[in-house]
Structures are given as C-alpha cells and as structure tokens.
Amino acid sequence: MTTQSVRPDASELVFHLFGRSVHPELLAVRAETEVWHEDYSASIHICDAGHMVSLRCRNETVTEVTAARQQLLPQKRQLLEKKIRGSRNETFQFDNGVRYYVSYQLEQLDQEVFLNVHEELARDSLTAAVAFAFPGTGRFDPAALSVITTDNWPGSLLVQAFHTFPENCAVVKTQSLFEL
C-alpha cells in the first residue's frame, strides 16, 4: 500500500527571494547546517518542499526559499516569487554590495532516468554539506531526497541544492552564488 509523501506535488513549488531573514519556524525543517567565513555566515535548512538559505553579510540578510505555493511566508521585503518550472536565471544587486545569481529548474524525467539520478544523489549525500532522506511512501518506491553542497571562498558562497520528488519523477535543482 502506497501512502502520500510529505512533499507537495513538484508542480506546486515556488522560488522566493527576500532582502531579509525568514524565520525557520515557518517551515518544517528536517536538517540544517551553518557555513562560517570571516566575510559572512549562512544558515542552510532542508524543508519539506525544498530548502531555505540565509546569507548574513554587512549587517544585512539575503534569504532564498523553495516552498509549496500554499506555504505562508512574509511579504515584507520579498523581492521575487516565481513558480518553479522549466529553467530560470535571476540576478540581484543589493544595497550592501552583495551580488546574487541563481539558476533554478524543475526537471521531469522518465522513470528509469529518475531512478539513476536518485541513486547518484544518494551517493552524493554522503559527502554533502547537508542531506535528508524523507520517509519512503512504499516498500519499493524510492524516498524523496534533498542534497545540498556548498563551496565557500573569501568573498563568495556557492550553494547547489537537489530535491527529488519520486511521485512526480521530478528533480528540482538550484544553484545560487552570493558574491560580496
């Protein structure tokens, strides 16, 4: 017997960008990590529908969130709210000098390709900055998986996130670069 996943349908996902912090209590956080550098710090959270990354630099915070469309999030200082479909790229320049580049996409795959990608991500999760395998929906179905990697250098942070949606044979990928 198959049960419903904790994850929403992949077609219901929205990408948000805020020029402020967003409280993690608003989202169901499953796993988290911190990145510290002398120029900045970042909090990275895996949530039911995706993730939240908050970069703190020069007394300001930039936050990206992937969430379900019905997720209640603040409207104050929300800079971007776009449905995740196909592939999109965005660029923002903040008043404190931070430049932000993001590429995000939703890929619908045939089942065999999805299973291969899912296995590859499961292997990558062993060395990721943070990863989480959600409870499976059935004995033979793969569990939804989130894997986030980071590369940090003086003056920049690169965050790559992968979220699988087995019920949709879909993968959401984001790549975010914060330059100071």
N, C-alpha and C. Protein backbone atom coordinates (compact mmCIF):
# COMPACT_ATOMS: atom_id res chain seq x y z
N MET A 1 0.84 -1.18 0.00
CA MET A 1 0.00 0.00 0.00
C MET A 1 0.88 1.24 0.00
N THR A 2 0.62 2.17 -0.90
CA THR A 2 1.39 3.40 -1.01
C THR A 2 0.69 4.52 -0.26
N THR A 3 1.45 5.29 0.49
CA THR A 3 0.89 6.45 1.19
C THR A 3 1.41 7.72 0.54
N GLN A 4 0.80 8.85 0.85
CA GLN A 4 1.19 10.13 0.29
C GLN A 4 2.50 10.62 0.91
N SER A 5 3.36 11.15 0.10
CA SER A 5 4.63 11.71 0.56
C SER A 5 4.39 12.98 1.36
N VAL A 6 5.36 13.31 2.23
CA VAL A 6 5.31 14.56 2.98
C VAL A 6 5.54 15.75 2.04
N ARG A 7 6.15 15.49 0.92
CA ARG A 7 6.44 16.54 -0.05
C ARG A 7 5.21 16.91 -0.86
N PRO A 8 5.10 18.17 -1.25
CA PRO A 8 4.00 18.57 -2.13
C PRO A 8 4.26 18.06 -3.55
N ASP A 9 3.29 18.20 -4.40
CA ASP A 9 3.48 17.90 -5.81
C ASP A 9 4.53 18.86 -6.36
N ALA A 10 5.43 18.37 -7.18
CA ALA A 10 6.52 19.20 -7.71
C ALA A 10 6.01 20.40 -8.51
N SER A 11 4.84 20.28 -9.11
CA SER A 11 4.30 21.39 -9.90
C SER A 11 3.79 22.54 -9.03
N GLU A 12 3.75 22.36 -7.71
CA GLU A 12 3.27 23.38 -6.77
C GLU A 12 4.38 24.20 -6.15
N LEU A 13 5.61 24.06 -6.63
CA LEU A 13 6.75 24.72 -5.98
C LEU A 13 6.96 26.15 -6.48
N VAL A 14 7.39 26.99 -5.54
CA VAL A 14 7.64 28.41 -5.82
C VAL A 14 9.01 28.78 -5.27
N PHE A 15 9.75 29.59 -6.03
CA PHE A 15 11.05 30.10 -5.59
C PHE A 15 10.84 31.52 -5.08
N HIS A 16 11.36 31.80 -3.88
CA HIS A 16 11.23 33.12 -3.26
C HIS A 16 12.61 33.68 -2.96
N LEU A 17 12.73 34.99 -3.04
CA LEU A 17 13.94 35.69 -2.61
C LEU A 17 13.51 36.86 -1.74
N PHE A 18 14.19 37.00 -0.60
CA PHE A 18 13.88 38.06 0.36
C PHE A 18 15.14 38.87 0.65
N GLY A 19 14.97 40.15 0.86
CA GLY A 19 16.04 41.01 1.33
C GLY A 19 15.96 41.13 2.84
N ARG A 20 15.80 40.02 3.52
CA ARG A 20 15.63 39.94 4.97
C ARG A 20 15.75 38.50 5.40
N SER A 21 15.73 38.28 6.71
CA SER A 21 15.70 36.92 7.22
C SER A 21 14.26 36.41 7.21
N VAL A 22 14.11 35.10 7.17
CA VAL A 22 12.82 34.44 7.28
C VAL A 22 12.97 33.42 8.40
N HIS A 23 12.05 33.42 9.33
CA HIS A 23 12.16 32.53 10.48
C HIS A 23 11.99 31.07 10.06
N PRO A 24 12.94 30.22 10.41
CA PRO A 24 12.85 28.79 10.05
C PRO A 24 11.61 28.12 10.65
N GLU A 25 11.06 28.69 11.71
CA GLU A 25 9.85 28.12 12.33
C GLU A 25 8.66 28.13 11.38
N LEU A 26 8.71 28.94 10.33
CA LEU A 26 7.62 28.98 9.36
C LEU A 26 7.60 27.74 8.47
N LEU A 27 8.73 27.04 8.41
CA LEU A 27 8.87 25.87 7.55
C LEU A 27 9.16 24.64 8.40
N ALA A 28 8.81 23.48 7.91
CA ALA A 28 9.12 22.23 8.61
C ALA A 28 10.56 21.86 8.28
N VAL A 29 11.50 22.24 9.15
CA VAL A 29 12.91 22.00 8.92
C VAL A 29 13.24 20.55 9.27
N ARG A 30 13.90 19.85 8.34
CA ARG A 30 14.27 18.44 8.51
C ARG A 30 15.75 18.26 8.81
N ALA A 31 16.59 19.16 8.31
CA ALA A 31 18.04 19.09 8.54
C ALA A 31 18.59 20.49 8.30
N GLU A 32 19.74 20.77 8.92
CA GLU A 32 20.31 22.11 8.77
C GLU A 32 21.81 22.09 9.00
N THR A 33 22.46 23.13 8.50
CA THR A 33 23.89 23.32 8.72
C THR A 33 24.18 24.81 8.67
N GLU A 34 25.37 25.16 9.12
CA GLU A 34 25.85 26.55 9.10
C GLU A 34 27.16 26.60 8.34
N VAL A 35 27.38 27.69 7.63
CA VAL A 35 28.65 27.96 6.97
C VAL A 35 29.17 29.28 7.55
N TRP A 36 30.40 29.24 8.01
CA TRP A 36 31.01 30.44 8.61
C TRP A 36 32.25 30.81 7.83
N HIS A 37 32.37 32.10 7.56
CA HIS A 37 33.55 32.64 6.91
C HIS A 37 33.78 34.00 7.52
N GLU A 38 34.99 34.52 7.44
CA GLU A 38 35.23 35.81 8.08
C GLU A 38 34.40 36.93 7.46
N ASP A 39 34.01 36.80 6.18
CA ASP A 39 33.22 37.81 5.48
C ASP A 39 31.71 37.65 5.64
N TYR A 40 31.25 36.44 5.99
CA TYR A 40 29.82 36.16 6.01
C TYR A 40 29.54 34.90 6.81
N SER A 41 28.25 34.67 7.05
CA SER A 41 27.79 33.39 7.59
C SER A 41 26.50 33.05 6.86
N ALA A 42 26.19 31.77 6.83
CA ALA A 42 24.98 31.32 6.14
C ALA A 42 24.36 30.17 6.91
N SER A 43 23.03 30.17 6.96
CA SER A 43 22.25 29.06 7.51
C SER A 43 21.57 28.36 6.35
N ILE A 44 21.66 27.03 6.33
CA ILE A 44 21.06 26.25 5.25
C ILE A 44 20.14 25.22 5.89
N HIS A 45 18.88 25.22 5.46
CA HIS A 45 17.86 24.35 6.02
C HIS A 45 17.21 23.54 4.91
N ILE A 46 17.05 22.24 5.14
CA ILE A 46 16.24 21.41 4.26
C ILE A 46 14.84 21.36 4.86
N CYS A 47 13.84 21.63 4.02
CA CYS A 47 12.45 21.68 4.46
C CYS A 47 11.63 20.69 3.64
N ASP A 48 10.37 20.51 4.00
CA ASP A 48 9.52 19.54 3.31
C ASP A 48 9.48 19.74 1.80
N ALA A 49 9.36 20.99 1.35
CA ALA A 49 9.22 21.25 -0.08
C ALA A 49 10.53 21.62 -0.76
N GLY A 50 11.60 21.82 0.00
CA GLY A 50 12.85 22.23 -0.62
C GLY A 50 13.85 22.70 0.41
N HIS A 51 14.17 24.00 0.35
CA HIS A 51 15.21 24.49 1.25
C HIS A 51 15.06 25.98 1.53
N MET A 52 15.86 26.45 2.49
CA MET A 52 16.00 27.86 2.79
C MET A 52 17.47 28.13 3.04
N VAL A 53 18.01 29.15 2.37
CA VAL A 53 19.39 29.59 2.57
C VAL A 53 19.35 31.05 2.98
N SER A 54 19.98 31.37 4.10
CA SER A 54 20.05 32.76 4.57
C SER A 54 21.52 33.15 4.71
N LEU A 55 21.93 34.13 3.93
CA LEU A 55 23.29 34.64 3.99
C LEU A 55 23.28 35.96 4.76
N ARG A 56 24.14 36.04 5.78
CA ARG A 56 24.28 37.26 6.58
C ARG A 56 25.63 37.89 6.27
N CYS A 57 25.59 39.16 5.86
CA CYS A 57 26.80 39.86 5.47
C CYS A 57 26.58 41.36 5.62
N ARG A 58 27.54 42.04 6.21
CA ARG A 58 27.48 43.50 6.32
C ARG A 58 26.16 43.99 6.91
N ASN A 59 25.75 43.36 7.99
CA ASN A 59 24.53 43.74 8.73
C ASN A 59 23.24 43.59 7.94
N GLU A 60 23.26 42.80 6.88
CA GLU A 60 22.04 42.52 6.13
C GLU A 60 21.93 41.03 5.87
N THR A 61 20.72 40.60 5.53
CA THR A 61 20.46 39.19 5.26
C THR A 61 19.74 39.06 3.93
N VAL A 62 20.17 38.08 3.14
CA VAL A 62 19.52 37.69 1.89
C VAL A 62 19.06 36.25 2.09
N THR A 63 17.79 35.98 1.79
CA THR A 63 17.24 34.63 2.01
C THR A 63 16.53 34.13 0.77
N GLU A 64 16.86 32.90 0.36
CA GLU A 64 16.10 32.25 -0.71
C GLU A 64 15.35 31.07 -0.10
N VAL A 65 14.16 30.84 -0.62
CA VAL A 65 13.31 29.76 -0.12
C VAL A 65 12.65 29.07 -1.30
N THR A 66 12.71 27.74 -1.33
CA THR A 66 11.85 26.98 -2.23
C THR A 66 10.78 26.35 -1.35
N ALA A 67 9.53 26.57 -1.70
CA ALA A 67 8.42 26.13 -0.86
C ALA A 67 7.21 25.82 -1.72
N ALA A 68 6.23 25.18 -1.10
CA ALA A 68 4.96 24.92 -1.78
C ALA A 68 4.21 26.23 -1.96
N ARG A 69 3.40 26.30 -2.97
CA ARG A 69 2.64 27.52 -3.28
C ARG A 69 1.80 27.98 -2.09
N GLN A 70 1.24 27.05 -1.34
CA GLN A 70 0.35 27.42 -0.23
C GLN A 70 1.10 27.75 1.06
N GLN A 71 2.44 27.65 1.06
CA GLN A 71 3.23 27.95 2.25
C GLN A 71 3.11 29.44 2.59
N LEU A 72 2.75 29.74 3.83
CA LEU A 72 2.65 31.12 4.25
C LEU A 72 4.05 31.66 4.56
N LEU A 73 4.44 32.70 3.83
CA LEU A 73 5.72 33.35 4.02
C LEU A 73 5.49 34.86 4.09
N PRO A 74 6.40 35.59 4.70
CA PRO A 74 6.21 37.04 4.80
C PRO A 74 6.21 37.71 3.43
N GLN A 75 5.53 38.82 3.32
CA GLN A 75 5.51 39.60 2.09
C GLN A 75 6.50 40.77 2.15
N LYS A 76 6.82 41.19 3.37
CA LYS A 76 7.71 42.33 3.56
C LYS A 76 9.10 42.01 3.00
N ARG A 77 9.59 42.88 2.14
CA ARG A 77 10.91 42.78 1.50
C ARG A 77 11.08 41.49 0.69
N GLN A 78 9.96 40.97 0.17
CA GLN A 78 10.05 39.85 -0.77
C GLN A 78 10.37 40.42 -2.14
N LEU A 79 11.45 39.98 -2.72
CA LEU A 79 11.93 40.52 -3.98
C LEU A 79 11.54 39.68 -5.19
N LEU A 80 11.26 38.42 -4.95
CA LEU A 80 10.96 37.50 -6.05
C LEU A 80 10.05 36.40 -5.55
N GLU A 81 9.06 36.06 -6.35
CA GLU A 81 8.17 34.94 -6.08
C GLU A 81 7.75 34.38 -7.44
N LYS A 82 8.39 33.27 -7.85
CA LYS A 82 8.11 32.70 -9.16
C LYS A 82 7.93 31.20 -9.05
N LYS A 83 6.95 30.72 -9.79
CA LYS A 83 6.71 29.28 -9.84
C LYS A 83 7.93 28.60 -10.46
N ILE A 84 8.30 27.45 -9.91
CA ILE A 84 9.44 26.71 -10.44
C ILE A 84 8.94 25.79 -11.55
N ARG A 85 9.36 26.10 -12.75
CA ARG A 85 9.04 25.26 -13.91
C ARG A 85 10.06 25.58 -14.99
N GLY A 86 10.40 24.58 -15.76
CA GLY A 86 11.45 24.79 -16.75
C GLY A 86 12.72 25.24 -16.07
N SER A 87 13.45 26.15 -16.71
CA SER A 87 14.71 26.65 -16.17
C SER A 87 14.69 28.18 -16.17
N ARG A 88 15.11 28.78 -15.07
CA ARG A 88 15.13 30.24 -14.96
C ARG A 88 16.44 30.70 -14.33
N ASN A 89 16.83 31.92 -14.67
CA ASN A 89 18.00 32.56 -14.09
C ASN A 89 17.60 33.95 -13.61
N GLU A 90 18.13 34.34 -12.47
CA GLU A 90 17.84 35.66 -11.90
C GLU A 90 19.13 36.26 -11.36
N THR A 91 19.21 37.59 -11.35
CA THR A 91 20.36 38.31 -10.80
C THR A 91 19.84 39.50 -10.00
N PHE A 92 20.44 39.73 -8.83
CA PHE A 92 20.09 40.88 -8.00
C PHE A 92 21.35 41.52 -7.45
N GLN A 93 21.33 42.84 -7.35
CA GLN A 93 22.40 43.59 -6.71
C GLN A 93 21.77 44.26 -5.48
N PHE A 94 22.33 43.98 -4.30
CA PHE A 94 21.79 44.53 -3.06
C PHE A 94 22.56 45.79 -2.67
N ASP A 95 21.90 46.65 -1.89
CA ASP A 95 22.48 47.92 -1.48
C ASP A 95 23.79 47.75 -0.72
N ASN A 96 23.96 46.65 0.00
CA ASN A 96 25.19 46.44 0.77
C ASN A 96 26.33 45.89 -0.08
N GLY A 97 26.14 45.81 -1.40
CA GLY A 97 27.19 45.36 -2.30
C GLY A 97 27.13 43.88 -2.66
N VAL A 98 26.26 43.10 -2.04
CA VAL A 98 26.14 41.68 -2.36
C VAL A 98 25.48 41.52 -3.73
N ARG A 99 26.11 40.71 -4.57
CA ARG A 99 25.53 40.33 -5.86
C ARG A 99 25.06 38.89 -5.73
N TYR A 100 23.87 38.63 -6.25
CA TYR A 100 23.25 37.31 -6.09
C TYR A 100 22.84 36.81 -7.47
N TYR A 101 23.27 35.61 -7.79
CA TYR A 101 22.92 34.96 -9.06
C TYR A 101 22.29 33.61 -8.72
N VAL A 102 21.19 33.29 -9.35
CA VAL A 102 20.55 31.99 -9.10
C VAL A 102 20.04 31.41 -10.41
N SER A 103 20.17 30.10 -10.50
CA SER A 103 19.58 29.33 -11.58
C SER A 103 18.75 28.25 -10.92
N TYR A 104 17.49 28.11 -11.30
CA TYR A 104 16.65 27.08 -10.72
C TYR A 104 15.80 26.44 -11.80
N GLN A 105 15.55 25.15 -11.62
CA GLN A 105 14.79 24.43 -12.64
C GLN A 105 14.08 23.22 -12.06
N LEU A 106 13.02 22.84 -12.73
CA LEU A 106 12.28 21.63 -12.44
C LEU A 106 12.43 20.73 -13.65
N GLU A 107 12.97 19.54 -13.42
CA GLU A 107 13.15 18.57 -14.50
C GLU A 107 12.22 17.39 -14.29
N GLN A 108 11.36 17.12 -15.25
CA GLN A 108 10.51 15.92 -15.27
C GLN A 108 11.28 14.87 -16.05
N LEU A 109 11.49 13.70 -15.46
CA LEU A 109 12.30 12.66 -16.07
C LEU A 109 11.47 11.39 -16.27
N ASP A 110 11.87 10.57 -17.25
CA ASP A 110 11.21 9.28 -17.33
C ASP A 110 11.73 8.44 -16.15
N GLN A 111 10.99 7.42 -15.77
CA GLN A 111 11.25 6.71 -14.52
C GLN A 111 12.66 6.12 -14.43
N GLU A 112 13.15 5.54 -15.48
CA GLU A 112 14.48 4.93 -15.44
C GLU A 112 15.57 5.99 -15.20
N VAL A 113 15.48 7.11 -15.89
CA VAL A 113 16.45 8.19 -15.71
C VAL A 113 16.32 8.75 -14.29
N PHE A 114 15.09 8.93 -13.82
CA PHE A 114 14.89 9.44 -12.46
C PHE A 114 15.56 8.52 -11.44
N LEU A 115 15.37 7.23 -11.56
CA LEU A 115 15.96 6.29 -10.60
C LEU A 115 17.49 6.36 -10.62
N ASN A 116 18.09 6.54 -11.80
CA ASN A 116 19.55 6.68 -11.90
C ASN A 116 20.02 7.97 -11.22
N VAL A 117 19.33 9.07 -11.47
CA VAL A 117 19.67 10.35 -10.84
C VAL A 117 19.51 10.24 -9.33
N HIS A 118 18.44 9.61 -8.89
CA HIS A 118 18.17 9.45 -7.46
C HIS A 118 19.30 8.66 -6.79
N GLU A 119 19.75 7.58 -7.41
CA GLU A 119 20.85 6.78 -6.86
C GLU A 119 22.14 7.59 -6.78
N GLU A 120 22.40 8.38 -7.82
CA GLU A 120 23.59 9.23 -7.83
C GLU A 120 23.53 10.26 -6.69
N LEU A 121 22.38 10.85 -6.49
CA LEU A 121 22.22 11.82 -5.40
C LEU A 121 22.35 11.15 -4.03
N ALA A 122 21.86 9.94 -3.91
CA ALA A 122 22.01 9.21 -2.64
C ALA A 122 23.48 9.01 -2.32
N ARG A 123 24.29 8.70 -3.32
CA ARG A 123 25.75 8.57 -3.11
C ARG A 123 26.35 9.92 -2.74
N ASP A 124 25.93 10.98 -3.43
CA ASP A 124 26.46 12.32 -3.16
C ASP A 124 26.07 12.82 -1.77
N SER A 125 24.98 12.31 -1.24
CA SER A 125 24.52 12.78 0.07
C SER A 125 25.52 12.43 1.18
N LEU A 126 26.36 11.43 0.94
CA LEU A 126 27.34 11.02 1.95
C LEU A 126 28.41 12.07 2.20
N THR A 127 28.67 12.93 1.22
CA THR A 127 29.69 13.97 1.37
C THR A 127 29.11 15.39 1.27
N ALA A 128 27.80 15.51 1.25
CA ALA A 128 27.15 16.82 1.12
C ALA A 128 27.27 17.64 2.40
N ALA A 129 27.10 18.95 2.27
CA ALA A 129 27.08 19.83 3.44
C ALA A 129 25.91 19.46 4.34
N VAL A 130 24.77 19.14 3.73
CA VAL A 130 23.60 18.69 4.46
C VAL A 130 22.72 17.89 3.50
N ALA A 131 22.11 16.83 4.01
CA ALA A 131 21.24 15.98 3.20
C ALA A 131 20.17 15.38 4.10
N PHE A 132 19.05 15.00 3.48
CA PHE A 132 17.98 14.37 4.24
C PHE A 132 17.21 13.44 3.32
N ALA A 133 16.97 12.21 3.79
CA ALA A 133 16.13 11.24 3.08
C ALA A 133 14.79 11.19 3.82
N PHE A 134 13.74 11.55 3.15
CA PHE A 134 12.41 11.55 3.74
C PHE A 134 11.91 10.12 3.89
N PRO A 135 10.96 9.89 4.77
CA PRO A 135 10.40 8.54 4.89
C PRO A 135 9.82 8.09 3.55
N GLY A 136 10.02 6.83 3.20
CA GLY A 136 9.50 6.30 1.95
C GLY A 136 7.99 6.19 1.97
N THR A 137 7.40 6.18 0.78
CA THR A 137 5.95 6.08 0.67
C THR A 137 5.48 4.66 0.43
N GLY A 138 6.39 3.78 0.10
CA GLY A 138 6.04 2.39 -0.15
C GLY A 138 7.30 1.54 -0.05
N ARG A 139 7.12 0.24 0.02
CA ARG A 139 8.26 -0.65 0.20
C ARG A 139 9.27 -0.57 -0.93
N PHE A 140 8.81 -0.38 -2.14
CA PHE A 140 9.72 -0.44 -3.28
C PHE A 140 9.97 0.92 -3.93
N ASP A 141 9.29 1.93 -3.47
CA ASP A 141 9.45 3.27 -4.04
C ASP A 141 10.62 3.99 -3.38
N PRO A 142 11.41 4.74 -4.15
CA PRO A 142 12.49 5.49 -3.53
C PRO A 142 11.92 6.62 -2.66
N ALA A 143 12.61 6.93 -1.58
CA ALA A 143 12.19 8.02 -0.71
C ALA A 143 12.64 9.35 -1.32
N ALA A 144 11.87 10.39 -1.08
CA ALA A 144 12.28 11.73 -1.52
C ALA A 144 13.60 12.07 -0.83
N LEU A 145 14.45 12.80 -1.53
CA LEU A 145 15.78 13.08 -1.05
C LEU A 145 16.13 14.54 -1.32
N SER A 146 16.82 15.18 -0.38
CA SER A 146 17.37 16.52 -0.58
C SER A 146 18.86 16.47 -0.28
N VAL A 147 19.64 17.06 -1.18
CA VAL A 147 21.09 17.09 -1.06
C VAL A 147 21.56 18.51 -1.36
N ILE A 148 22.34 19.10 -0.44
CA ILE A 148 22.85 20.45 -0.63
C ILE A 148 24.36 20.45 -0.43
N THR A 149 25.06 21.00 -1.42
CA THR A 149 26.52 21.14 -1.33
C THR A 149 26.86 22.63 -1.30
N THR A 150 28.01 22.93 -0.71
CA THR A 150 28.47 24.32 -0.68
C THR A 150 29.94 24.40 -1.05
N ASP A 151 30.30 25.50 -1.65
CA ASP A 151 31.70 25.86 -1.89
C ASP A 151 31.83 27.29 -1.39
N ASN A 152 32.72 27.49 -0.42
CA ASN A 152 32.86 28.85 0.09
C ASN A 152 34.31 29.30 -0.02
N TRP A 153 34.46 30.55 -0.42
CA TRP A 153 35.75 31.19 -0.59
C TRP A 153 35.66 32.58 0.02
N PRO A 154 36.79 33.25 0.20
CA PRO A 154 36.70 34.65 0.63
C PRO A 154 35.91 35.44 -0.42
N GLY A 155 34.86 36.08 0.01
CA GLY A 155 34.08 36.91 -0.90
C GLY A 155 32.99 36.22 -1.68
N SER A 156 32.77 34.90 -1.49
CA SER A 156 31.68 34.26 -2.24
C SER A 156 31.26 32.93 -1.60
N LEU A 157 30.02 32.59 -1.86
CA LEU A 157 29.44 31.32 -1.42
C LEU A 157 28.60 30.77 -2.56
N LEU A 158 28.85 29.51 -2.90
CA LEU A 158 28.08 28.80 -3.92
C LEU A 158 27.30 27.70 -3.23
N VAL A 159 25.99 27.66 -3.45
CA VAL A 159 25.12 26.64 -2.86
C VAL A 159 24.39 25.93 -3.99
N GLN A 160 24.53 24.60 -4.02
CA GLN A 160 23.82 23.79 -5.01
C GLN A 160 22.86 22.86 -4.26
N ALA A 161 21.60 22.89 -4.64
CA ALA A 161 20.59 22.07 -3.97
C ALA A 161 19.88 21.20 -5.00
N PHE A 162 19.61 19.96 -4.59
CA PHE A 162 18.89 18.99 -5.41
C PHE A 162 17.79 18.38 -4.55
N HIS A 163 16.58 18.37 -5.05
CA HIS A 163 15.44 17.81 -4.32
C HIS A 163 14.70 16.86 -5.26
N THR A 164 14.53 15.60 -4.82
CA THR A 164 13.81 14.64 -5.66
C THR A 164 12.36 14.55 -5.23
N PHE A 165 11.51 14.31 -6.19
CA PHE A 165 10.08 14.14 -5.99
C PHE A 165 9.67 12.85 -6.70
N PRO A 166 9.85 11.70 -6.02
CA PRO A 166 9.63 10.40 -6.68
C PRO A 166 8.23 10.22 -7.26
N GLU A 167 7.21 10.74 -6.60
CA GLU A 167 5.85 10.56 -7.10
C GLU A 167 5.63 11.25 -8.44
N ASN A 168 6.47 12.28 -8.73
CA ASN A 168 6.38 13.01 -9.99
C ASN A 168 7.52 12.67 -10.94
N CYS A 169 8.46 11.79 -10.51
CA CYS A 169 9.69 11.54 -11.27
C CYS A 169 10.33 12.87 -11.66
N ALA A 170 10.47 13.75 -10.65
CA ALA A 170 10.98 15.10 -10.89
C ALA A 170 12.13 15.41 -9.95
N VAL A 171 13.00 16.31 -10.43
CA VAL A 171 14.12 16.81 -9.64
C VAL A 171 14.11 18.34 -9.75
N VAL A 172 14.19 19.01 -8.60
CA VAL A 172 14.36 20.46 -8.57
C VAL A 172 15.82 20.72 -8.26
N LYS A 173 16.44 21.56 -9.10
CA LYS A 173 17.85 21.91 -8.92
C LYS A 173 17.95 23.42 -8.79
N THR A 174 18.76 23.87 -7.82
CA THR A 174 19.07 25.28 -7.73
C THR A 174 20.57 25.44 -7.57
N GLN A 175 21.09 26.50 -8.14
CA GLN A 175 22.49 26.87 -7.96
C GLN A 175 22.51 28.36 -7.68
N SER A 176 22.99 28.72 -6.48
CA SER A 176 22.98 30.11 -6.04
C SER A 176 24.39 30.57 -5.73
N LEU A 177 24.75 31.72 -6.25
CA LEU A 177 26.07 32.30 -5.99
C LEU A 177 25.87 33.66 -5.33
N PHE A 178 26.45 33.80 -4.16
CA PHE A 178 26.46 35.06 -3.43
C PHE A 178 27.87 35.62 -3.53
N GLU A 179 28.04 36.80 -4.12
CA GLU A 179 29.35 37.44 -4.22
C GLU A 179 29.34 38.71 -3.39
N LEU A 180 30.40 38.90 -2.60
CA LEU A 180 30.47 40.05 -1.70
C LEU A 180 31.35 41.13 -2.26
